[in-house]
Amino acid sequence: MMRNKNDNFRFLISRRGLLHTAAGLAGGAMLPAVMPIALAQDHRALGTYPAGSSGSSVFIGIAVPRTGTYAEQGEDELKGWELAVEHINSGNDLIKKISPKTSKGVLGKQLKIGVADSAARPNEAVQAQQRFITENKAVLMTGSTSSAVAVALNKLAQREKVLYVTGISASNDTTGKDCVRYGFRQCFYGQTAAAAIGPIMVASFGKNKRAAYLTPDYNYGHTVTKSMQDYLATSGWTTATDQVAPLGAPDYSSYLLNVVHSGADVLINVNWGHDAVLSTQQAKQFGVLDKMKLVFPALSPFIARDSGGLMQDVFAATDYWWTIEDKYPLAKLFNDAFDRKYGYKPEWGAANAYISFAHWARMVEQAGSFYPPDIIRAYEKGETIPSLVGDVHYRPEDHQCVRPVIIVKGRIEKDMKNKHDSYGVVAIVPGEGLMQKPDAFGCNLGEYT
């Protein structure tokens, strides 16, 4: 049966949200009629401003993979965004700790979201977001689990002058050569992952080792592999083989045959999502894991469950792991709220999604306006602000959040305290010392207007 084009879209408007909207419209009738005109005189029309924020609510477009190799991670992200919207609209205490001025909405306006399945394809993500901009006057875009999608939405954001906050994207390019004034990234990326996990690999496995890489063939894979190679070379590591496979490859046998005969000491699997699961399972079948250690420079945490226990004793870098709640109180509040609503501990996609909305809400409140350049300049102040992983800040030069990278090691099954206890935290590495200079990867943000 042919699927209707509109099946990719669903609009999530709660009964409570409708009541708030109705109340807002009723209250709005008592406001001076000149207010929208005054706003327009303060700032000329730009992107979806002022039309997108002229009513009692504002709209956010989400393009996230719900099918394909990154679908499981996309669903986790979506839950984080949904919880953030619920918390922002209700004035939840956790949101207030991150954005103190937020009280039942952003600048008093309720948030509404539209969700499209991007299937991790840039063209589909761009088409969906263009529709949200045109038809719904979206004031913010988000999404991406694929860095190719993130880069494409960066370009759309700059062209349409509508803000974009990245969901998941570990390519150096997102805030490197493909950075834009209208795009912001909260999560870690290839450079910081390599600089965080590299020292632990050298300390654990030694110097002058040979590494084999499984690299997905798009900008995420290539930039992460390059960052790992560059860092490990400083300790005498060399590349035995770099096997490059397409995103969503159904069979890794030909690549793994080359790996198993490469003489490598360590397999660095750069794949993510279901590709990470499938390639690891097949690596076990081909005897690769009997010959060499396994490392993930960008962990897809669900792999511990989905691979059938193959992550035991494996080092990996990640953005978030729920047991850091012992160190960070806001992580504890988030974990508890997420678990109550969805019945499992959040992965790093959900954590990234939640905090990206919370930080955006803070910046809008500080700007006192939905005018995009005002919000951008609030980010670019670079002030220290709370997050789920401690205090962070955004670099004004490239809009990259300076935040820690978390190194974990897969737990041996007998050491697991419960079904959620898949990894132990080895280190929480501060972000400042991990990052390249702002212009090292070719970032040029472009214009505000």
Protein backbone atom coordinates (compact mmCIF):
# COMPACT_ATOMS: atom_id res chain seq x y z
CA MET A 1 0.00 0.00 0.00
CA MET A 2 1.41 3.43 -0.91
CA ARG A 3 2.13 5.58 2.10
CA ASN A 4 0.68 9.07 2.07
CA LYS A 5 3.34 11.77 1.99
CA ASN A 6 1.84 13.31 5.11
CA ASP A 7 2.34 10.10 7.10
CA ASN A 8 5.89 11.29 7.78
CA PHE A 9 4.53 14.14 9.82
CA ARG A 10 2.72 14.17 13.11
CA PHE A 11 1.88 17.10 15.27
CA LEU A 12 2.10 16.72 18.98
CA ILE A 13 -0.28 19.12 20.66
CA SER A 14 -1.43 18.13 24.11
CA ARG A 15 -4.83 18.88 25.58
CA ARG A 16 -3.02 20.94 28.19
CA GLY A 17 -1.22 22.81 25.42
CA LEU A 18 -4.53 23.60 23.75
CA LEU A 19 -5.91 24.96 27.02
CA HIS A 20 -2.84 27.14 27.41
CA THR A 21 -3.24 28.33 23.83
CA ALA A 22 -6.86 29.21 24.40
CA ALA A 23 -5.98 31.07 27.58
CA GLY A 24 -3.18 32.89 25.78
CA LEU A 25 -5.51 33.99 22.99
CA ALA A 26 -8.06 35.23 25.49
CA GLY A 27 -5.39 37.16 27.38
CA GLY A 28 -3.97 38.50 24.15
CA ALA A 29 -7.22 40.25 23.37
CA MET A 30 -6.50 42.65 26.23
CA LEU A 31 -3.02 43.59 24.97
CA PRO A 32 -2.46 46.79 23.03
CA ALA A 33 -3.04 46.27 19.35
CA VAL A 34 0.19 48.06 18.47
CA MET A 35 2.48 45.45 20.06
CA PRO A 36 3.11 43.35 16.91
CA ILE A 37 3.76 46.56 14.97
CA ALA A 38 6.21 47.73 17.62
CA LEU A 39 8.07 44.45 17.40
CA ALA A 40 8.25 44.73 13.63
CA GLN A 41 9.63 48.27 13.97
CA ASP A 42 12.34 47.09 16.39
CA HIS A 43 13.55 44.42 13.97
CA ARG A 44 12.85 43.96 10.30
CA ALA A 45 11.23 40.71 9.19
CA LEU A 46 13.80 37.92 9.05
CA GLY A 47 13.27 34.21 8.48
CA THR A 48 9.97 33.39 10.17
CA TYR A 49 10.18 36.44 12.45
CA PRO A 50 7.88 38.04 13.51
CA ALA A 51 5.11 35.84 12.07
CA GLY A 52 6.31 32.69 13.82
CA SER A 53 6.14 34.26 17.27
CA SER A 54 3.14 36.56 16.86
CA GLY A 55 0.63 34.23 18.53
CA SER A 56 0.40 32.50 21.88
CA SER A 57 2.64 29.59 20.80
CA VAL A 58 5.76 28.94 18.74
CA PHE A 59 6.51 25.95 16.54
CA ILE A 60 9.64 23.77 16.43
CA GLY A 61 10.36 21.41 13.53
CA ILE A 62 12.02 18.08 14.31
CA ALA A 63 13.43 15.87 11.53
CA VAL A 64 14.74 12.68 13.12
CA PRO A 65 15.34 9.13 11.84
CA ARG A 66 12.46 6.85 12.80
CA THR A 67 13.29 4.25 10.18
CA GLY A 68 16.63 2.99 8.88
CA THR A 69 19.95 2.22 10.54
CA TYR A 70 19.72 5.08 13.08
CA ALA A 71 16.04 4.63 13.98
CA GLU A 72 16.55 3.39 17.55
CA GLN A 73 18.76 6.35 18.37
CA GLY A 74 16.30 8.69 16.67
CA GLU A 75 13.46 7.50 18.88
CA ASP A 76 15.62 8.08 21.95
CA GLU A 77 16.36 11.63 20.79
CA LEU A 78 12.68 12.28 20.14
CA LYS A 79 11.77 11.28 23.68
CA GLY A 80 14.30 13.80 25.00
CA TRP A 81 12.79 16.61 22.94
CA GLU A 82 9.25 15.66 23.94
CA LEU A 83 10.18 15.67 27.62
CA ALA A 84 11.91 19.04 27.25
CA VAL A 85 8.81 20.55 25.64
CA GLU A 86 6.62 19.14 28.40
CA HIS A 87 8.96 20.56 31.05
CA ILE A 88 9.29 23.97 29.37
CA ASN A 89 5.55 24.33 28.88
CA SER A 90 4.82 23.42 32.50
CA GLY A 91 7.69 25.38 34.08
CA ASN A 92 9.33 22.26 35.53
CA ASP A 93 11.94 22.75 38.25
CA LEU A 94 14.69 21.05 36.21
CA ILE A 95 14.20 23.50 33.35
CA LYS A 96 14.27 26.39 35.81
CA LYS A 97 17.67 25.26 37.07
CA ILE A 98 18.98 25.52 33.50
CA SER A 99 16.88 28.46 32.31
CA PRO A 100 15.80 30.42 35.41
CA LYS A 101 13.60 32.89 33.53
CA THR A 102 11.50 30.16 31.91
CA SER A 103 8.01 29.88 33.36
CA LYS A 104 5.34 27.90 31.50
CA GLY A 105 6.63 28.44 28.02
CA VAL A 106 9.35 30.53 26.43
CA LEU A 107 8.70 34.24 26.82
CA GLY A 108 5.23 33.11 27.91
CA LYS A 109 4.56 31.21 24.68
CA GLN A 110 3.80 27.50 24.64
CA LEU A 111 5.95 25.24 22.47
CA LYS A 112 4.44 23.02 19.80
CA ILE A 113 6.39 20.54 17.73
CA GLY A 114 6.08 18.77 14.41
CA VAL A 115 7.96 15.54 13.80
CA ALA A 116 9.14 14.12 10.47
CA ASP A 117 10.99 10.90 9.74
CA SER A 118 14.27 11.87 8.08
CA ALA A 119 15.45 8.22 7.77
CA ALA A 120 18.94 9.78 8.25
CA ARG A 121 18.75 11.14 4.68
CA PRO A 122 19.76 14.79 4.18
CA ASN A 123 17.28 15.47 1.38
CA GLU A 124 14.32 14.17 3.36
CA ALA A 125 15.35 16.16 6.43
CA VAL A 126 15.70 19.37 4.42
CA GLN A 127 12.35 18.88 2.67
CA ALA A 128 10.61 18.27 5.99
CA GLN A 129 12.14 21.31 7.64
CA GLN A 130 11.41 23.50 4.63
CA ARG A 131 7.78 22.47 4.96
CA PHE A 132 7.80 23.29 8.68
CA ILE A 133 9.26 26.72 7.89
CA THR A 134 6.81 27.48 5.08
CA GLU A 135 3.61 26.06 6.54
CA ASN A 136 4.16 26.35 10.30
CA LYS A 137 6.54 29.33 10.55
CA ALA A 138 8.97 27.28 12.66
CA VAL A 139 11.16 29.42 14.90
CA LEU A 140 13.61 26.58 15.56
CA MET A 141 14.75 23.43 13.76
CA THR A 142 16.35 20.38 15.26
CA GLY A 143 17.07 16.76 14.45
CA SER A 144 19.94 14.77 13.00
CA THR A 145 21.54 11.58 14.07
CA SER A 146 23.57 11.53 10.89
CA SER A 147 26.15 14.29 10.54
CA ALA A 148 25.29 14.50 6.85
CA VAL A 149 21.81 15.60 7.94
CA ALA A 150 23.30 18.06 10.44
CA VAL A 151 25.45 19.68 7.76
CA ALA A 152 22.49 19.92 5.37
CA LEU A 153 20.30 21.51 8.03
CA ASN A 154 23.10 23.93 8.92
CA LYS A 155 22.99 25.19 5.35
CA LEU A 156 19.19 25.40 5.37
CA ALA A 157 19.26 27.33 8.65
CA GLN A 158 21.70 29.90 7.31
CA ARG A 159 19.78 30.31 4.06
CA GLU A 160 16.34 30.62 5.69
CA LYS A 161 17.57 32.53 8.77
CA VAL A 162 15.91 30.05 11.15
CA LEU A 163 17.90 28.71 14.09
CA TYR A 164 19.05 25.08 14.12
CA VAL A 165 20.29 23.14 17.15
CA THR A 166 21.94 19.82 16.38
CA GLY A 167 20.62 16.60 17.87
CA ILE A 168 23.48 14.15 17.39
CA SER A 169 26.41 14.87 15.10
CA ALA A 170 30.01 13.81 15.78
CA SER A 171 31.60 15.07 12.56
CA ASN A 172 34.27 17.74 12.95
CA ASP A 173 32.67 19.48 9.99
CA THR A 174 29.43 20.44 11.78
CA THR A 175 31.13 23.24 13.70
CA GLY A 176 34.20 23.13 11.45
CA LYS A 177 34.21 23.87 7.73
CA ASP A 178 30.39 23.58 7.57
CA CYS A 179 29.64 25.79 10.58
CA VAL A 180 27.04 28.54 10.21
CA ARG A 181 25.92 31.55 12.21
CA TYR A 182 22.45 30.01 12.64
CA GLY A 183 23.64 26.59 13.86
CA PHE A 184 24.70 25.39 17.32
CA ARG A 185 26.01 22.05 18.56
CA GLN A 186 25.91 20.81 22.15
CA CYS A 187 27.35 17.30 21.70
CA PHE A 188 30.95 16.09 21.42
CA TYR A 189 32.62 15.27 18.09
CA GLY A 190 35.55 13.44 16.48
CA GLN A 191 38.34 15.73 17.65
CA THR A 192 37.24 15.75 21.29
CA ALA A 193 36.46 12.02 21.27
CA ALA A 194 39.94 11.18 19.98
CA ALA A 195 41.68 13.50 22.42
CA ALA A 196 39.69 12.01 25.32
CA ILE A 197 39.88 8.28 24.56
CA GLY A 198 43.32 8.29 22.91
CA PRO A 199 45.34 8.61 26.14
CA ILE A 200 43.33 5.80 27.75
CA MET A 201 43.96 3.53 24.75
CA VAL A 202 47.69 4.21 24.85
CA ALA A 203 47.84 3.64 28.62
CA SER A 204 45.87 0.39 28.33
CA PHE A 205 47.30 -1.12 25.11
CA GLY A 206 50.71 0.52 24.84
CA LYS A 207 52.55 2.59 22.25
CA ASN A 208 53.43 1.66 18.66
CA LYS A 209 50.33 -0.45 18.03
CA ARG A 210 48.56 -1.15 14.75
CA ALA A 211 44.92 -0.17 14.36
CA ALA A 212 42.25 -1.35 11.93
CA TYR A 213 39.32 0.98 11.27
CA LEU A 214 35.74 0.32 10.17
CA THR A 215 34.65 3.68 8.78
CA PRO A 216 31.16 4.68 7.56
CA ASP A 217 31.52 6.45 4.24
CA TYR A 218 30.34 9.98 5.02
CA ASN A 219 31.68 13.03 6.82
CA TYR A 220 31.11 11.67 10.33
CA GLY A 221 33.10 8.52 9.65
CA HIS A 222 35.95 10.18 7.80
CA THR A 223 36.51 13.00 10.29
CA VAL A 224 36.35 10.70 13.34
CA THR A 225 38.79 8.22 11.78
CA LYS A 226 41.16 11.06 10.82
CA SER A 227 41.04 12.48 14.36
CA MET A 228 41.79 9.07 15.86
CA GLN A 229 44.67 8.47 13.44
CA ASP A 230 46.17 11.88 14.13
CA TYR A 231 46.05 11.50 17.89
CA LEU A 232 47.32 7.91 18.04
CA ALA A 233 50.18 8.72 15.65
CA THR A 234 51.68 10.87 18.41
CA SER A 235 52.25 7.62 20.34
CA GLY A 236 53.60 5.68 17.38
CA TRP A 237 50.38 3.97 16.35
CA THR A 238 49.94 3.18 12.67
CA THR A 239 46.97 2.23 10.51
CA ALA A 240 46.94 -1.41 9.44
CA THR A 241 43.82 -0.93 7.32
CA ASP A 242 40.90 1.49 6.98
CA GLN A 243 37.82 -0.32 5.68
CA VAL A 244 35.24 2.15 4.38
CA ALA A 245 31.64 0.89 4.06
CA PRO A 246 28.43 2.69 3.04
CA LEU A 247 25.91 3.82 5.65
CA GLY A 248 23.42 0.99 6.24
CA ALA A 249 25.64 -1.74 4.77
CA PRO A 250 23.87 -5.10 5.17
CA ASP A 251 27.05 -7.20 5.12
CA TYR A 252 30.54 -6.41 6.44
CA SER A 253 32.16 -9.74 5.52
CA SER A 254 34.48 -8.42 2.80
CA TYR A 255 35.65 -5.58 5.04
CA LEU A 256 36.17 -7.87 8.03
CA LEU A 257 38.21 -10.36 6.00
CA ASN A 258 40.65 -7.54 5.31
CA VAL A 259 40.63 -6.56 8.99
CA VAL A 260 41.28 -10.08 10.27
CA HIS A 261 44.31 -10.45 7.97
CA SER A 262 45.67 -6.94 8.62
CA GLY A 263 47.79 -7.79 11.64
CA ALA A 264 46.10 -5.08 13.69
CA ASP A 265 46.18 -5.07 17.48
CA VAL A 266 43.01 -3.00 17.92
CA LEU A 267 39.81 -2.66 15.90
CA ILE A 268 38.44 0.88 16.07
CA ASN A 269 34.82 0.65 14.99
CA VAL A 270 33.58 4.08 13.94
CA ASN A 271 30.15 2.76 12.92
CA TRP A 272 27.09 3.89 14.84
CA GLY A 273 23.50 2.78 15.38
CA HIS A 274 22.45 -0.53 13.84
CA ASP A 275 25.59 -0.45 11.68
CA ALA A 276 27.66 -0.65 14.87
CA VAL A 277 25.62 -3.61 16.10
CA LEU A 278 25.76 -5.54 12.82
CA SER A 279 29.46 -4.93 12.15
CA THR A 280 30.38 -5.97 15.71
CA GLN A 281 28.31 -9.14 15.57
CA GLN A 282 29.92 -10.07 12.25
CA ALA A 283 33.39 -9.20 13.64
CA LYS A 284 32.77 -11.81 16.32
CA GLN A 285 31.67 -14.37 13.73
CA PHE A 286 34.82 -13.79 11.67
CA GLY A 287 37.09 -14.22 14.67
CA VAL A 288 38.23 -10.59 14.66
CA LEU A 289 37.39 -10.06 18.32
CA ASP A 290 39.44 -13.11 19.28
CA LYS A 291 42.52 -11.52 17.73
CA MET A 292 42.26 -7.86 18.66
CA LYS A 293 40.76 -5.42 21.14
CA LEU A 294 37.65 -3.44 20.21
CA VAL A 295 37.19 0.32 20.76
CA PHE A 296 34.34 2.70 19.88
CA PRO A 297 35.32 6.39 19.60
CA ALA A 298 31.62 7.34 19.48
CA LEU A 299 29.48 4.93 21.46
CA SER A 300 25.92 4.06 20.51
CA PRO A 301 24.95 2.84 24.02
CA PHE A 302 22.10 0.53 22.91
CA ILE A 303 24.75 -1.72 21.36
CA ALA A 304 25.43 -3.35 24.76
CA ARG A 305 21.94 -4.82 24.66
CA ASP A 306 21.48 -5.24 20.92
CA SER A 307 24.80 -6.98 20.21
CA GLY A 308 24.22 -9.75 22.73
CA GLY A 309 26.88 -8.73 25.26
CA LEU A 310 29.76 -7.99 22.87
CA MET A 311 30.56 -4.67 24.58
CA GLN A 312 31.93 -6.30 27.73
CA ASP A 313 35.40 -4.94 28.57
CA VAL A 314 35.29 -2.53 25.58
CA PHE A 315 36.40 1.12 25.87
CA ALA A 316 34.21 3.78 24.30
CA ALA A 317 33.72 7.55 24.27
CA THR A 318 30.26 9.00 24.76
CA ASP A 319 28.42 12.21 25.52
CA TYR A 320 26.36 10.93 28.42
CA TRP A 321 25.93 7.86 30.55
CA TRP A 322 23.24 7.83 33.19
CA THR A 323 25.46 6.80 36.15
CA ILE A 324 27.12 10.22 36.13
CA GLU A 325 24.09 11.20 38.20
CA ASP A 326 26.29 10.47 41.24
CA LYS A 327 28.42 13.49 40.25
CA TYR A 328 25.90 15.80 38.55
CA PRO A 329 22.59 16.56 40.36
CA LEU A 330 20.83 17.77 37.20
CA ALA A 331 21.60 14.44 35.53
CA LYS A 332 19.87 12.69 38.42
CA LEU A 333 16.76 14.85 38.02
CA PHE A 334 16.73 14.22 34.27
CA ASN A 335 17.25 10.46 34.61
CA ASP A 336 14.44 10.14 37.12
CA ALA A 337 11.99 12.18 35.04
CA PHE A 338 12.88 10.30 31.86
CA ASP A 339 12.65 6.87 33.52
CA ARG A 340 9.25 7.71 35.03
CA LYS A 341 7.89 8.73 31.64
CA TYR A 342 9.50 6.14 29.34
CA GLY A 343 10.54 3.25 31.57
CA TYR A 344 14.28 3.14 30.88
CA LYS A 345 17.43 5.11 31.58
CA PRO A 346 18.10 7.77 28.92
CA GLU A 347 20.85 7.33 26.36
CA TRP A 348 22.98 10.21 25.13
CA GLY A 349 20.63 11.04 22.27
CA ALA A 350 17.84 11.84 24.73
CA ALA A 351 20.18 13.80 26.98
CA ASN A 352 21.49 15.88 24.04
CA ALA A 353 18.00 16.53 22.80
CA TYR A 354 16.71 17.67 26.18
CA ILE A 355 19.59 20.00 26.95
CA SER A 356 19.59 21.53 23.45
CA PHE A 357 16.01 22.77 24.00
CA ALA A 358 16.74 23.87 27.57
CA HIS A 359 19.73 25.93 26.42
CA TRP A 360 17.75 27.44 23.54
CA ALA A 361 14.98 28.43 25.96
CA ARG A 362 17.56 30.10 28.19
CA MET A 363 19.00 32.09 25.28
CA VAL A 364 15.58 33.25 24.08
CA GLU A 365 14.67 34.37 27.59
CA GLN A 366 17.95 36.26 27.90
CA ALA A 367 17.44 37.88 24.51
CA GLY A 368 13.88 38.82 25.48
CA SER A 369 12.91 38.26 21.86
CA PHE A 370 12.49 35.60 19.18
CA TYR A 371 14.45 37.74 16.73
CA PRO A 372 17.15 35.29 15.57
CA PRO A 373 20.22 37.59 15.73
CA ASP A 374 19.33 38.51 19.32
CA ILE A 375 19.21 34.83 20.29
CA ILE A 376 22.46 34.11 18.46
CA ARG A 377 24.20 36.91 20.33
CA ALA A 378 22.95 35.48 23.62
CA TYR A 379 24.70 32.20 22.78
CA GLU A 380 27.77 34.11 21.65
CA LYS A 381 28.25 35.75 25.03
CA GLY A 382 29.97 32.50 25.91
CA GLU A 383 28.79 32.62 29.51
CA THR A 384 29.03 29.58 31.76
CA ILE A 385 25.66 27.85 32.00
CA PRO A 386 24.34 24.65 33.63
CA SER A 387 23.89 21.37 31.77
CA LEU A 388 23.37 17.70 32.58
CA VAL A 389 27.16 17.21 32.59
CA GLY A 390 28.10 20.20 34.72
CA ASP A 391 28.80 23.78 33.70
CA VAL A 392 29.47 24.39 30.00
CA HIS A 393 29.71 27.27 27.56
CA TYR A 394 29.38 27.88 23.81
CA ARG A 395 32.37 29.21 21.88
CA PRO A 396 31.35 32.37 20.01
CA GLU A 397 33.81 31.61 17.18
CA ASP A 398 32.24 28.32 16.04
CA HIS A 399 29.09 27.78 18.17
CA GLN A 400 30.48 24.55 19.63
CA CYS A 401 29.59 23.75 23.21
CA VAL A 402 32.66 23.25 25.40
CA ARG A 403 31.71 20.22 27.48
CA PRO A 404 33.25 17.05 28.89
CA VAL A 405 33.63 13.72 27.10
CA ILE A 406 32.78 10.62 29.08
CA ILE A 407 34.88 7.47 28.68
CA VAL A 408 33.17 4.22 29.61
CA LYS A 409 34.08 0.55 29.63
CA GLY A 410 31.57 -2.23 29.04
CA ARG A 411 30.81 -4.12 32.24
CA ILE A 412 31.37 -7.84 32.56
CA GLU A 413 27.92 -9.39 32.95
CA LYS A 414 28.56 -10.73 36.45
CA ASP A 415 29.49 -7.21 37.63
CA MET A 416 26.28 -5.56 36.41
CA LYS A 417 24.10 -4.29 39.25
CA ASN A 418 20.96 -4.23 37.11
CA LYS A 419 19.89 -4.44 33.46
CA HIS A 420 20.69 -0.75 32.92
CA ASP A 421 24.24 -1.06 34.27
CA SER A 422 25.94 -1.79 30.92
CA TYR A 423 28.97 0.46 31.34
CA GLY A 424 31.24 1.76 34.05
CA VAL A 425 32.52 5.32 33.81
CA VAL A 426 36.31 5.31 33.43
CA ALA A 427 36.86 9.07 33.13
CA ILE A 428 35.03 12.35 32.68
CA VAL A 429 37.45 14.43 30.63
CA PRO A 430 36.99 18.25 30.71
CA GLY A 431 36.22 19.71 27.31
CA GLU A 432 38.46 22.75 27.20
CA GLY A 433 41.69 20.83 26.74
CA LEU A 434 40.25 18.52 24.09
CA MET A 435 39.26 21.10 21.49
CA GLN A 436 41.14 22.42 18.51
CA LYS A 437 41.50 26.16 17.97
CA PRO A 438 38.22 27.61 16.67
CA ASP A 439 39.54 28.20 13.15
CA ALA A 440 41.51 24.94 12.84
CA PHE A 441 38.78 23.14 10.89
CA GLY A 442 37.88 26.04 8.63
CA CYS A 443 34.90 27.55 10.44
CA ASN A 444 33.54 30.82 9.04
CA LEU A 445 30.12 31.48 10.60
CA GLY A 446 28.73 33.91 8.04
CA GLU A 447 26.32 36.79 8.51
CA TYR A 448 23.54 37.47 11.03
CA THR A 449 21.18 38.97 8.44
